[in-house]
Amino acid sequence: MNAAIIAFQVAALLLAPLMLGVINRTKAIFAGRTGAPLLQPYYDIWKLLQKGAVYSTTTTWLFRAGPTIGLAALATALLLTPAGGAPAAITFAGDLLLFIGLLGVARLFTVLAALDTGSSFEGMGASREVTFSAIAEGATILALATLVLVSNSLSLTGMMGQGVAGAWLTGRGPALAMAAAAIFLVLLAENSRIPVDDPNTHLELTMVHEVMVLDHSGPDFAYITYGAALKLWLFASLLVGILLPFQTGFWLADGVVFLAGVFAVAVAVGVLESSRARLRLPRVPEMLSIAGVLAGLGVTLALVAR
């Protein structure tokens, strides 16, 4: 494993919570208020790690294991994700299927932990999460299929490397644009961002992801918060890999461009959340269906351009 791979993996682990801080600061600027410090997510995670966890007598090992397994799955997915022109720490043909599977494992154990509480309220949130994710996963698979077609590679490292850069220069840009748009919509849904969900809300009838983790506390909730930051980083990395695939050959310069792109995604999310309200719940599947249509159109355009 070369220095570039190690540097990008460490950067992701250290800087992922900063994306949440950038989003919150962007929203504060748009609202004309001071807002929380940029490093507030780090303070929150550290504070939660210092506290004790409270467990209901109705819960089993699933409730305690959910946050840990979810975070472990997302950290493993990070090992499959290339960044800044550097290959992933683990790469092989078909690793994109493992990547999608690990995201599914993290979601599965979050849902199981919510259901394990025996609360109908958390069961409602789990039901919404599974419904929306079922549509979002289809869009994600189609978007990645577009990248497979334009790059002729079955690994994330091959898809995000020079193959995508060459596709932009050989007339397959529209297919990539469709895939990027689909992944951005999925990013909003999978990370509980407006217009799908609001991670700062506590309104019972509108909560999706947040309702599933209401009973978690202390270190468990710290793992959930940190895992949410890692998941946002993963999707932002995919998006940057599509939109900024060009490389200079100097990994430090490529890394700076990659990090600028990741935090530009965070700013874009903050701007979007500041400029529009949440969708009504029945409209969320429609938005995710649009993501699926865009990804499907990307596959079609990629096939036509072959």
C-alpha atoms as a PDB file:
ATOM      1  CA  MET A   1       0.000   0.000   0.000  1.00  0.00           C
ATOM      2  CA  ASN A   2       1.631   3.250  -1.132  1.00  0.00           C
ATOM      3  CA  ALA A   3       1.693   6.579   0.670  1.00  0.00           C
ATOM      4  CA  ALA A   4      -1.108   8.090  -1.425  1.00  0.00           C
ATOM      5  CA  ILE A   5      -3.562   5.334  -0.497  1.00  0.00           C
ATOM      6  CA  ILE A   6      -2.734   5.640   3.204  1.00  0.00           C
ATOM      7  CA  ALA A   7      -2.960   9.444   3.066  1.00  0.00           C
ATOM      8  CA  PHE A   8      -6.402   9.424   1.454  1.00  0.00           C
ATOM      9  CA  GLN A   9      -7.735   6.794   3.846  1.00  0.00           C
ATOM     10  CA  VAL A  10      -6.508   8.746   6.871  1.00  0.00           C
ATOM     11  CA  ALA A  11      -7.847  12.003   5.405  1.00  0.00           C
ATOM     12  CA  ALA A  12     -11.284  10.435   4.956  1.00  0.00           C
ATOM     13  CA  LEU A  13     -11.357   9.129   8.535  1.00  0.00           C
ATOM     14  CA  LEU A  14     -10.245  12.494   9.939  1.00  0.00           C
ATOM     15  CA  LEU A  15     -12.118  14.911   7.693  1.00  0.00           C
ATOM     16  CA  ALA A  16     -15.462  13.160   7.198  1.00  0.00           C
ATOM     17  CA  PRO A  17     -17.138  14.936  10.177  1.00  0.00           C
ATOM     18  CA  LEU A  18     -15.892  18.249   8.785  1.00  0.00           C
ATOM     19  CA  MET A  19     -18.326  17.832   5.874  1.00  0.00           C
ATOM     20  CA  LEU A  20     -21.205  18.058   8.353  1.00  0.00           C
ATOM     21  CA  GLY A  21     -19.653  21.218   9.785  1.00  0.00           C
ATOM     22  CA  VAL A  22     -19.323  22.751   6.305  1.00  0.00           C
ATOM     23  CA  ILE A  23     -22.981  22.013   5.564  1.00  0.00           C
ATOM     24  CA  ASN A  24     -24.112  23.595   8.837  1.00  0.00           C
ATOM     25  CA  ARG A  25     -21.892  26.665   8.336  1.00  0.00           C
ATOM     26  CA  THR A  26     -23.233  27.120   4.783  1.00  0.00           C
ATOM     27  CA  LYS A  27     -26.790  26.982   6.075  1.00  0.00           C
ATOM     28  CA  ALA A  28     -25.933  29.471   8.834  1.00  0.00           C
ATOM     29  CA  ILE A  29     -24.457  31.931   6.322  1.00  0.00           C
ATOM     30  CA  PHE A  30     -27.561  31.715   4.135  1.00  0.00           C
ATOM     31  CA  ALA A  31     -29.760  32.267   7.195  1.00  0.00           C
ATOM     32  CA  GLY A  32     -27.737  35.309   8.287  1.00  0.00           C
ATOM     33  CA  ARG A  33     -26.761  33.867  11.662  1.00  0.00           C
ATOM     34  CA  THR A  34     -23.510  32.955  13.371  1.00  0.00           C
ATOM     35  CA  GLY A  35     -24.273  29.263  13.609  1.00  0.00           C
ATOM     36  CA  ALA A  36     -22.301  26.479  15.254  1.00  0.00           C
ATOM     37  CA  PRO A  37     -18.501  26.322  14.974  1.00  0.00           C
ATOM     38  CA  LEU A  38     -17.102  24.552  11.938  1.00  0.00           C
ATOM     39  CA  LEU A  39     -15.685  21.819  14.164  1.00  0.00           C
ATOM     40  CA  GLN A  40     -18.913  21.280  16.115  1.00  0.00           C
ATOM     41  CA  PRO A  41     -19.395  17.706  14.809  1.00  0.00           C
ATOM     42  CA  TYR A  42     -16.043  16.730  16.329  1.00  0.00           C
ATOM     43  CA  TYR A  43     -17.059  18.246  19.674  1.00  0.00           C
ATOM     44  CA  ASP A  44     -20.368  16.394  19.567  1.00  0.00           C
ATOM     45  CA  ILE A  45     -18.766  13.041  18.791  1.00  0.00           C
ATOM     46  CA  TRP A  46     -16.152  13.506  21.521  1.00  0.00           C
ATOM     47  CA  LYS A  47     -18.804  14.513  24.051  1.00  0.00           C
ATOM     48  CA  LEU A  48     -20.925  11.467  23.225  1.00  0.00           C
ATOM     49  CA  LEU A  49     -17.917   9.166  23.610  1.00  0.00           C
ATOM     50  CA  GLN A  50     -17.469  10.432  27.172  1.00  0.00           C
ATOM     51  CA  LYS A  51     -21.019   9.548  28.176  1.00  0.00           C
ATOM     52  CA  GLY A  52     -22.585   6.265  29.149  1.00  0.00           C
ATOM     53  CA  ALA A  53     -25.154   4.378  27.109  1.00  0.00           C
ATOM     54  CA  VAL A  54     -28.676   3.610  28.360  1.00  0.00           C
ATOM     55  CA  TYR A  55     -30.366   0.415  27.184  1.00  0.00           C
ATOM     56  CA  SER A  56     -34.016  -0.522  27.468  1.00  0.00           C
ATOM     57  CA  THR A  57     -34.813  -3.878  29.041  1.00  0.00           C
ATOM     58  CA  THR A  58     -36.805  -4.774  25.911  1.00  0.00           C
ATOM     59  CA  THR A  59     -33.752  -4.606  23.606  1.00  0.00           C
ATOM     60  CA  THR A  60     -31.432  -7.471  22.723  1.00  0.00           C
ATOM     61  CA  TRP A  61     -27.896  -7.701  21.382  1.00  0.00           C
ATOM     62  CA  LEU A  62     -29.119  -6.372  18.035  1.00  0.00           C
ATOM     63  CA  PHE A  63     -29.705  -2.927  19.489  1.00  0.00           C
ATOM     64  CA  ARG A  64     -26.187  -2.776  20.940  1.00  0.00           C
ATOM     65  CA  ALA A  65     -24.515  -4.272  17.871  1.00  0.00           C
ATOM     66  CA  GLY A  66     -26.329  -2.122  15.310  1.00  0.00           C
ATOM     67  CA  PRO A  67     -24.200   1.055  15.563  1.00  0.00           C
ATOM     68  CA  THR A  68     -20.920  -0.876  15.738  1.00  0.00           C
ATOM     69  CA  ILE A  69     -21.663  -3.152  12.776  1.00  0.00           C
ATOM     70  CA  GLY A  70     -23.014  -0.215  10.773  1.00  0.00           C
ATOM     71  CA  LEU A  71     -19.841   1.814  11.345  1.00  0.00           C
ATOM     72  CA  ALA A  72     -17.633  -1.205  10.572  1.00  0.00           C
ATOM     73  CA  ALA A  73     -19.464  -1.793   7.281  1.00  0.00           C
ATOM     74  CA  LEU A  74     -19.046   1.845   6.220  1.00  0.00           C
ATOM     75  CA  ALA A  75     -15.363   1.854   7.199  1.00  0.00           C
ATOM     76  CA  THR A  76     -14.857  -1.279   5.100  1.00  0.00           C
ATOM     77  CA  ALA A  77     -16.638   0.385   2.172  1.00  0.00           C
ATOM     78  CA  LEU A  78     -14.142   3.224   2.500  1.00  0.00           C
ATOM     79  CA  LEU A  79     -11.336   0.732   1.775  1.00  0.00           C
ATOM     80  CA  LEU A  80     -12.980   0.014  -1.593  1.00  0.00           C
ATOM     81  CA  THR A  81     -13.272   3.691  -2.570  1.00  0.00           C
ATOM     82  CA  PRO A  82     -10.549   5.341  -4.703  1.00  0.00           C
ATOM     83  CA  ALA A  83      -9.746   8.991  -4.138  1.00  0.00           C
ATOM     84  CA  GLY A  84      -7.751  11.700  -5.851  1.00  0.00           C
ATOM     85  CA  GLY A  85      -6.335   9.439  -8.535  1.00  0.00           C
ATOM     86  CA  ALA A  86      -5.027   6.932  -5.985  1.00  0.00           C
ATOM     87  CA  PRO A  87      -6.410   3.382  -6.157  1.00  0.00           C
ATOM     88  CA  ALA A  88      -8.553   1.980  -3.385  1.00  0.00           C
ATOM     89  CA  ALA A  89      -6.862   0.101  -0.557  1.00  0.00           C
ATOM     90  CA  ILE A  90      -8.742  -3.031  -1.680  1.00  0.00           C
ATOM     91  CA  THR A  91      -9.618  -3.415  -5.331  1.00  0.00           C
ATOM     92  CA  PHE A  92     -10.778  -6.326  -7.492  1.00  0.00           C
ATOM     93  CA  ALA A  93     -13.170  -6.951 -10.356  1.00  0.00           C
ATOM     94  CA  GLY A  94     -16.729  -6.632  -9.104  1.00  0.00           C
ATOM     95  CA  ASP A  95     -15.838  -4.740  -5.916  1.00  0.00           C
ATOM     96  CA  LEU A  96     -18.645  -2.283  -6.715  1.00  0.00           C
ATOM     97  CA  LEU A  97     -21.131  -5.038  -5.759  1.00  0.00           C
ATOM     98  CA  LEU A  98     -19.400  -5.461  -2.402  1.00  0.00           C
ATOM     99  CA  PHE A  99     -19.492  -1.676  -1.970  1.00  0.00           C
ATOM    100  CA  ILE A 100     -23.264  -1.609  -2.492  1.00  0.00           C
ATOM    101  CA  GLY A 101     -23.641  -4.646  -0.241  1.00  0.00           C
ATOM    102  CA  LEU A 102     -21.728  -3.008   2.617  1.00  0.00           C
ATOM    103  CA  LEU A 103     -23.963   0.052   2.435  1.00  0.00           C
ATOM    104  CA  GLY A 104     -26.906  -2.342   2.617  1.00  0.00           C
ATOM    105  CA  VAL A 105     -25.445  -4.110   5.673  1.00  0.00           C
ATOM    106  CA  ALA A 106     -25.064  -0.774   7.490  1.00  0.00           C
ATOM    107  CA  ARG A 107     -28.672   0.092   6.691  1.00  0.00           C
ATOM    108  CA  LEU A 108     -29.929  -3.384   7.653  1.00  0.00           C
ATOM    109  CA  PHE A 109     -28.462  -3.274  11.140  1.00  0.00           C
ATOM    110  CA  THR A 110     -29.677   0.278  11.700  1.00  0.00           C
ATOM    111  CA  VAL A 111     -33.184  -0.885  10.815  1.00  0.00           C
ATOM    112  CA  LEU A 112     -32.890  -4.033  12.960  1.00  0.00           C
ATOM    113  CA  ALA A 113     -31.695  -1.978  15.931  1.00  0.00           C
ATOM    114  CA  ALA A 114     -34.698   0.329  15.500  1.00  0.00           C
ATOM    115  CA  LEU A 115     -37.132  -2.578  15.328  1.00  0.00           C
ATOM    116  CA  ASP A 116     -35.477  -4.219  18.331  1.00  0.00           C
ATOM    117  CA  THR A 117     -36.734  -1.440  20.599  1.00  0.00           C
ATOM    118  CA  GLY A 118     -40.319  -2.612  20.089  1.00  0.00           C
ATOM    119  CA  SER A 119     -41.382   0.976  19.432  1.00  0.00           C
ATOM    120  CA  SER A 120     -44.026   1.516  16.758  1.00  0.00           C
ATOM    121  CA  PHE A 121     -42.582   5.012  16.273  1.00  0.00           C
ATOM    122  CA  GLU A 122     -39.138   3.661  15.356  1.00  0.00           C
ATOM    123  CA  GLY A 123     -40.810   0.932  13.312  1.00  0.00           C
ATOM    124  CA  MET A 124     -42.478   3.673  11.271  1.00  0.00           C
ATOM    125  CA  GLY A 125     -39.107   5.276  10.564  1.00  0.00           C
ATOM    126  CA  ALA A 126     -37.588   1.904   9.688  1.00  0.00           C
ATOM    127  CA  SER A 127     -40.415   1.238   7.235  1.00  0.00           C
ATOM    128  CA  ARG A 128     -39.845   4.580   5.524  1.00  0.00           C
ATOM    129  CA  GLU A 129     -36.090   4.022   5.414  1.00  0.00           C
ATOM    130  CA  VAL A 130     -36.407   0.606   3.777  1.00  0.00           C
ATOM    131  CA  THR A 131     -38.970   1.847   1.257  1.00  0.00           C
ATOM    132  CA  PHE A 132     -36.884   4.811   0.130  1.00  0.00           C
ATOM    133  CA  SER A 133     -33.643   2.841   0.115  1.00  0.00           C
ATOM    134  CA  ALA A 134     -35.114   0.114  -2.085  1.00  0.00           C
ATOM    135  CA  ILE A 135     -35.667   2.721  -4.802  1.00  0.00           C
ATOM    136  CA  ALA A 136     -32.362   4.484  -4.163  1.00  0.00           C
ATOM    137  CA  GLU A 137     -30.356   1.258  -4.464  1.00  0.00           C
ATOM    138  CA  GLY A 138     -31.757   0.630  -7.936  1.00  0.00           C
ATOM    139  CA  ALA A 139     -30.692   4.108  -9.030  1.00  0.00           C
ATOM    140  CA  THR A 140     -27.229   3.583  -7.539  1.00  0.00           C
ATOM    141  CA  ILE A 141     -26.746   0.279  -9.346  1.00  0.00           C
ATOM    142  CA  LEU A 142     -27.809   1.804 -12.678  1.00  0.00           C
ATOM    143  CA  ALA A 143     -25.494   4.783 -12.162  1.00  0.00           C
ATOM    144  CA  LEU A 144     -22.558   2.475 -11.448  1.00  0.00           C
ATOM    145  CA  ALA A 145     -23.542   0.372 -14.472  1.00  0.00           C
ATOM    146  CA  THR A 146     -23.148   3.518 -16.574  1.00  0.00           C
ATOM    147  CA  LEU A 147     -19.614   3.914 -15.250  1.00  0.00           C
ATOM    148  CA  VAL A 148     -18.867   0.278 -16.020  1.00  0.00           C
ATOM    149  CA  LEU A 149     -19.973   0.776 -19.632  1.00  0.00           C
ATOM    150  CA  VAL A 150     -18.005   3.965 -20.236  1.00  0.00           C
ATOM    151  CA  SER A 151     -14.832   2.809 -18.447  1.00  0.00           C
ATOM    152  CA  ASN A 152     -14.878  -0.913 -19.415  1.00  0.00           C
ATOM    153  CA  SER A 153     -13.919  -1.771 -15.838  1.00  0.00           C
ATOM    154  CA  LEU A 154     -15.718  -3.747 -13.138  1.00  0.00           C
ATOM    155  CA  SER A 155     -13.815  -2.230 -10.219  1.00  0.00           C
ATOM    156  CA  LEU A 156     -14.384   1.133  -8.573  1.00  0.00           C
ATOM    157  CA  THR A 157     -10.718   2.032  -9.009  1.00  0.00           C
ATOM    158  CA  GLY A 158     -10.850   1.390 -12.744  1.00  0.00           C
ATOM    159  CA  MET A 159     -14.173   3.190 -13.096  1.00  0.00           C
ATOM    160  CA  MET A 160     -12.980   6.332 -11.329  1.00  0.00           C
ATOM    161  CA  GLY A 161      -9.588   6.539 -13.009  1.00  0.00           C
ATOM    162  CA  GLN A 162      -8.524   7.493 -16.497  1.00  0.00           C
ATOM    163  CA  GLY A 163     -11.431   5.529 -17.950  1.00  0.00           C
ATOM    164  CA  VAL A 164     -13.930   8.156 -16.807  1.00  0.00           C
ATOM    165  CA  ALA A 165     -11.603  10.996 -17.786  1.00  0.00           C
ATOM    166  CA  GLY A 166     -11.308   9.531 -21.280  1.00  0.00           C
ATOM    167  CA  ALA A 167     -15.077   9.139 -21.509  1.00  0.00           C
ATOM    168  CA  TRP A 168     -15.575  12.875 -20.927  1.00  0.00           C
ATOM    169  CA  LEU A 169     -13.237  13.558 -23.861  1.00  0.00           C
ATOM    170  CA  THR A 170     -14.757  11.039 -26.270  1.00  0.00           C
ATOM    171  CA  GLY A 171     -18.380  12.122 -26.405  1.00  0.00           C
ATOM    172  CA  ARG A 172     -19.732  10.040 -23.530  1.00  0.00           C
ATOM    173  CA  GLY A 173     -20.062  13.033 -21.218  1.00  0.00           C
ATOM    174  CA  PRO A 174     -23.896  13.083 -21.323  1.00  0.00           C
ATOM    175  CA  ALA A 175     -24.026   9.537 -19.931  1.00  0.00           C
ATOM    176  CA  LEU A 176     -21.673  10.516 -17.117  1.00  0.00           C
ATOM    177  CA  ALA A 177     -23.701  13.656 -16.415  1.00  0.00           C
ATOM    178  CA  MET A 178     -26.845  11.534 -16.023  1.00  0.00           C
ATOM    179  CA  ALA A 179     -25.013   9.165 -13.659  1.00  0.00           C
ATOM    180  CA  ALA A 180     -23.646  12.080 -11.605  1.00  0.00           C
ATOM    181  CA  ALA A 181     -27.103  13.661 -11.291  1.00  0.00           C
ATOM    182  CA  ALA A 182     -28.556  10.333 -10.153  1.00  0.00           C
ATOM    183  CA  ILE A 183     -25.837   9.816  -7.557  1.00  0.00           C
ATOM    184  CA  PHE A 184     -26.358  13.335  -6.188  1.00  0.00           C
ATOM    185  CA  LEU A 185     -30.084  12.659  -5.699  1.00  0.00           C
ATOM    186  CA  VAL A 186     -29.257   9.332  -4.041  1.00  0.00           C
ATOM    187  CA  LEU A 187     -26.703  11.127  -1.837  1.00  0.00           C
ATOM    188  CA  LEU A 188     -29.462  13.373  -0.502  1.00  0.00           C
ATOM    189  CA  ALA A 189     -31.731  10.412   0.240  1.00  0.00           C
ATOM    190  CA  GLU A 190     -29.146   8.040   1.672  1.00  0.00           C
ATOM    191  CA  ASN A 191     -27.719  10.716   3.964  1.00  0.00           C
ATOM    192  CA  SER A 192     -31.088  12.013   5.203  1.00  0.00           C
ATOM    193  CA  ARG A 193     -30.657  15.481   3.745  1.00  0.00           C
ATOM    194  CA  ILE A 194     -33.279  17.958   2.588  1.00  0.00           C
ATOM    195  CA  PRO A 195     -35.467  17.610   0.528  1.00  0.00           C
ATOM    196  CA  VAL A 196     -35.817  13.962   1.637  1.00  0.00           C
ATOM    197  CA  ASP A 197     -35.205  14.300   5.371  1.00  0.00           C
ATOM    198  CA  ASP A 198     -33.832  16.827   7.837  1.00  0.00           C
ATOM    199  CA  PRO A 199     -31.182  15.497  10.260  1.00  0.00           C
ATOM    200  CA  ASN A 200     -31.947  18.373  12.645  1.00  0.00           C
ATOM    201  CA  THR A 201     -35.695  17.874  12.917  1.00  0.00           C
ATOM    202  CA  HIS A 202     -37.644  16.221  15.710  1.00  0.00           C
ATOM    203  CA  LEU A 203     -41.108  16.420  14.168  1.00  0.00           C
ATOM    204  CA  GLU A 204     -42.617  12.980  14.640  1.00  0.00           C
ATOM    205  CA  LEU A 205     -44.658  12.796  11.464  1.00  0.00           C
ATOM    206  CA  THR A 206     -41.812  13.794   9.136  1.00  0.00           C
ATOM    207  CA  MET A 207     -38.777  12.012  10.537  1.00  0.00           C
ATOM    208  CA  VAL A 208     -37.202   9.138   8.604  1.00  0.00           C
ATOM    209  CA  HIS A 209     -33.646   8.304   9.615  1.00  0.00           C
ATOM    210  CA  GLU A 210     -33.491  10.261  12.853  1.00  0.00           C
ATOM    211  CA  VAL A 211     -36.480   8.449  14.335  1.00  0.00           C
ATOM    212  CA  MET A 212     -34.620   5.136  14.054  1.00  0.00           C
ATOM    213  CA  VAL A 213     -31.794   6.286  16.324  1.00  0.00           C
ATOM    214  CA  LEU A 214     -33.764   8.138  19.002  1.00  0.00           C
ATOM    215  CA  ASP A 215     -33.127   5.440  21.624  1.00  0.00           C
ATOM    216  CA  HIS A 216     -29.372   5.351  21.074  1.00  0.00           C
ATOM    217  CA  SER A 217     -27.142   7.321  23.406  1.00  0.00           C
ATOM    218  CA  GLY A 218     -23.540   7.827  24.432  1.00  0.00           C
ATOM    219  CA  PRO A 219     -20.864   5.999  22.391  1.00  0.00           C
ATOM    220  CA  ASP A 220     -23.512   4.214  20.315  1.00  0.00           C
ATOM    221  CA  PHE A 221     -24.880   7.519  19.068  1.00  0.00           C
ATOM    222  CA  ALA A 222     -21.304   8.726  18.485  1.00  0.00           C
ATOM    223  CA  TYR A 223     -20.761   5.747  16.177  1.00  0.00           C
ATOM    224  CA  ILE A 224     -23.990   6.558  14.358  1.00  0.00           C
ATOM    225  CA  THR A 225     -23.023  10.218  13.921  1.00  0.00           C
ATOM    226  CA  TYR A 226     -19.539   9.351  12.714  1.00  0.00           C
ATOM    227  CA  GLY A 227     -20.941   6.663  10.420  1.00  0.00           C
ATOM    228  CA  ALA A 228     -23.307   9.222   8.885  1.00  0.00           C
ATOM    229  CA  ALA A 229     -20.315  11.459   8.144  1.00  0.00           C
ATOM    230  CA  LEU A 230     -18.421   8.558   6.543  1.00  0.00           C
ATOM    231  CA  LYS A 231     -21.427   7.661   4.398  1.00  0.00           C
ATOM    232  CA  LEU A 232     -21.677  11.244   3.163  1.00  0.00           C
ATOM    233  CA  TRP A 233     -17.956  11.148   2.350  1.00  0.00           C
ATOM    234  CA  LEU A 234     -18.372   7.897   0.382  1.00  0.00           C
ATOM    235  CA  PHE A 235     -21.113   9.276  -1.854  1.00  0.00           C
ATOM    236  CA  ALA A 236     -19.283  12.582  -2.287  1.00  0.00           C
ATOM    237  CA  SER A 237     -16.171  10.627  -3.327  1.00  0.00           C
ATOM    238  CA  LEU A 238     -18.145   8.818  -6.026  1.00  0.00           C
ATOM    239  CA  LEU A 239     -19.560  12.107  -7.275  1.00  0.00           C
ATOM    240  CA  VAL A 240     -16.162  13.817  -7.355  1.00  0.00           C
ATOM    241  CA  GLY A 241     -14.661  10.771  -9.062  1.00  0.00           C
ATOM    242  CA  ILE A 242     -17.164  11.228 -11.898  1.00  0.00           C
ATOM    243  CA  LEU A 243     -17.034  15.008 -12.229  1.00  0.00           C
ATOM    244  CA  LEU A 244     -13.299  15.563 -11.542  1.00  0.00           C
ATOM    245  CA  PRO A 245     -11.535  12.461 -12.873  1.00  0.00           C
ATOM    246  CA  PHE A 246      -8.638  14.262 -14.532  1.00  0.00           C
ATOM    247  CA  GLN A 247      -5.245  13.625 -12.937  1.00  0.00           C
ATOM    248  CA  THR A 248      -1.907  15.410 -13.019  1.00  0.00           C
ATOM    249  CA  GLY A 249       0.130  12.362 -11.991  1.00  0.00           C
ATOM    250  CA  PHE A 250       1.242  14.134  -8.800  1.00  0.00           C
ATOM    251  CA  TRP A 251      -0.845  12.623  -6.022  1.00  0.00           C
ATOM    252  CA  LEU A 252      -0.577  15.617  -3.691  1.00  0.00           C
ATOM    253  CA  ALA A 253      -2.008  18.002  -6.296  1.00  0.00           C
ATOM    254  CA  ASP A 254      -4.685  15.477  -7.244  1.00  0.00           C
ATOM    255  CA  GLY A 255      -5.508  15.083  -3.566  1.00  0.00           C
ATOM    256  CA  VAL A 256      -6.028  18.807  -3.111  1.00  0.00           C
ATOM    257  CA  VAL A 257      -8.412  18.860  -6.086  1.00  0.00           C
ATOM    258  CA  PHE A 258     -10.256  15.831  -4.702  1.00  0.00           C
ATOM    259  CA  LEU A 259     -10.663  17.383  -1.237  1.00  0.00           C
ATOM    260  CA  ALA A 260     -11.825  20.654  -2.784  1.00  0.00           C
ATOM    261  CA  GLY A 261     -14.408  18.699  -4.747  1.00  0.00           C
ATOM    262  CA  VAL A 262     -15.633  16.791  -1.682  1.00  0.00           C
ATOM    263  CA  PHE A 263     -16.148  19.962   0.324  1.00  0.00           C
ATOM    264  CA  ALA A 264     -17.730  21.649  -2.708  1.00  0.00           C
ATOM    265  CA  VAL A 265     -20.330  18.856  -2.567  1.00  0.00           C
ATOM    266  CA  ALA A 266     -20.891  19.721   1.102  1.00  0.00           C
ATOM    267  CA  VAL A 267     -21.385  23.376   0.202  1.00  0.00           C
ATOM    268  CA  ALA A 268     -23.817  22.380  -2.566  1.00  0.00           C
ATOM    269  CA  VAL A 269     -25.834  20.339  -0.067  1.00  0.00           C
ATOM    270  CA  GLY A 270     -25.889  23.304   2.328  1.00  0.00           C
ATOM    271  CA  VAL A 271     -27.037  25.658  -0.422  1.00  0.00           C
ATOM    272  CA  LEU A 272     -29.785  23.253  -1.467  1.00  0.00           C
ATOM    273  CA  GLU A 273     -31.005  22.865   2.112  1.00  0.00           C
ATOM    274  CA  SER A 274     -31.051  26.643   2.523  1.00  0.00           C
ATOM    275  CA  SER A 275     -33.003  27.292  -0.649  1.00  0.00           C
ATOM    276  CA  ARG A 276     -35.844  24.804  -0.498  1.00  0.00           C
ATOM    277  CA  ALA A 277     -38.113  22.995   1.927  1.00  0.00           C
ATOM    278  CA  ARG A 278     -38.601  19.307   2.475  1.00  0.00           C
ATOM    279  CA  LEU A 279     -40.759  17.277   0.158  1.00  0.00           C
ATOM    280  CA  ARG A 280     -43.948  15.715   1.408  1.00  0.00           C
ATOM    281  CA  LEU A 281     -43.315  12.036   2.129  1.00  0.00           C
ATOM    282  CA  PRO A 282     -45.371  10.769  -0.864  1.00  0.00           C
ATOM    283  CA  ARG A 283     -43.161  12.887  -3.145  1.00  0.00           C
ATOM    284  CA  VAL A 284     -39.894  11.305  -1.995  1.00  0.00           C
ATOM    285  CA  PRO A 285     -40.365   8.091  -4.034  1.00  0.00           C
ATOM    286  CA  GLU A 286     -41.067  10.296  -7.051  1.00  0.00           C
ATOM    287  CA  MET A 287     -37.739  12.092  -6.582  1.00  0.00           C
ATOM    288  CA  LEU A 288     -35.889   8.796  -6.237  1.00  0.00           C
ATOM    289  CA  SER A 289     -37.686   7.467  -9.298  1.00  0.00           C
ATOM    290  CA  ILE A 290     -36.328  10.467 -11.192  1.00  0.00           C
ATOM    291  CA  ALA A 291     -32.849   9.421 -10.021  1.00  0.00           C
ATOM    292  CA  GLY A 292     -33.537   5.960 -11.400  1.00  0.00           C
ATOM    293  CA  VAL A 293     -34.718   7.383 -14.716  1.00  0.00           C
ATOM    294  CA  LEU A 294     -31.605   9.572 -14.979  1.00  0.00           C
ATOM    295  CA  ALA A 295     -29.363   6.599 -14.233  1.00  0.00           C
ATOM    296  CA  GLY A 296     -31.259   4.461 -16.730  1.00  0.00           C
ATOM    297  CA  LEU A 297     -30.858   7.181 -19.338  1.00  0.00           C
ATOM    298  CA  GLY A 298     -27.138   7.200 -18.562  1.00  0.00           C
ATOM    299  CA  VAL A 299     -26.974   3.450 -19.245  1.00  0.00           C
ATOM    300  CA  THR A 300     -28.839   3.937 -22.528  1.00  0.00           C
ATOM    301  CA  LEU A 301     -26.549   6.749 -23.674  1.00  0.00           C
ATOM    302  CA  ALA A 302     -23.478   4.721 -22.695  1.00  0.00           C
ATOM    303  CA  LEU A 303     -24.708   1.766 -24.741  1.00  0.00           C
ATOM    304  CA  VAL A 304     -25.433   3.969 -27.739  1.00  0.00           C
ATOM    305  CA  ALA A 305     -21.958   5.533 -27.539  1.00  0.00           C
ATOM    306  CA  ARG A 306     -20.162   2.167 -27.426  1.00  0.00           C
END
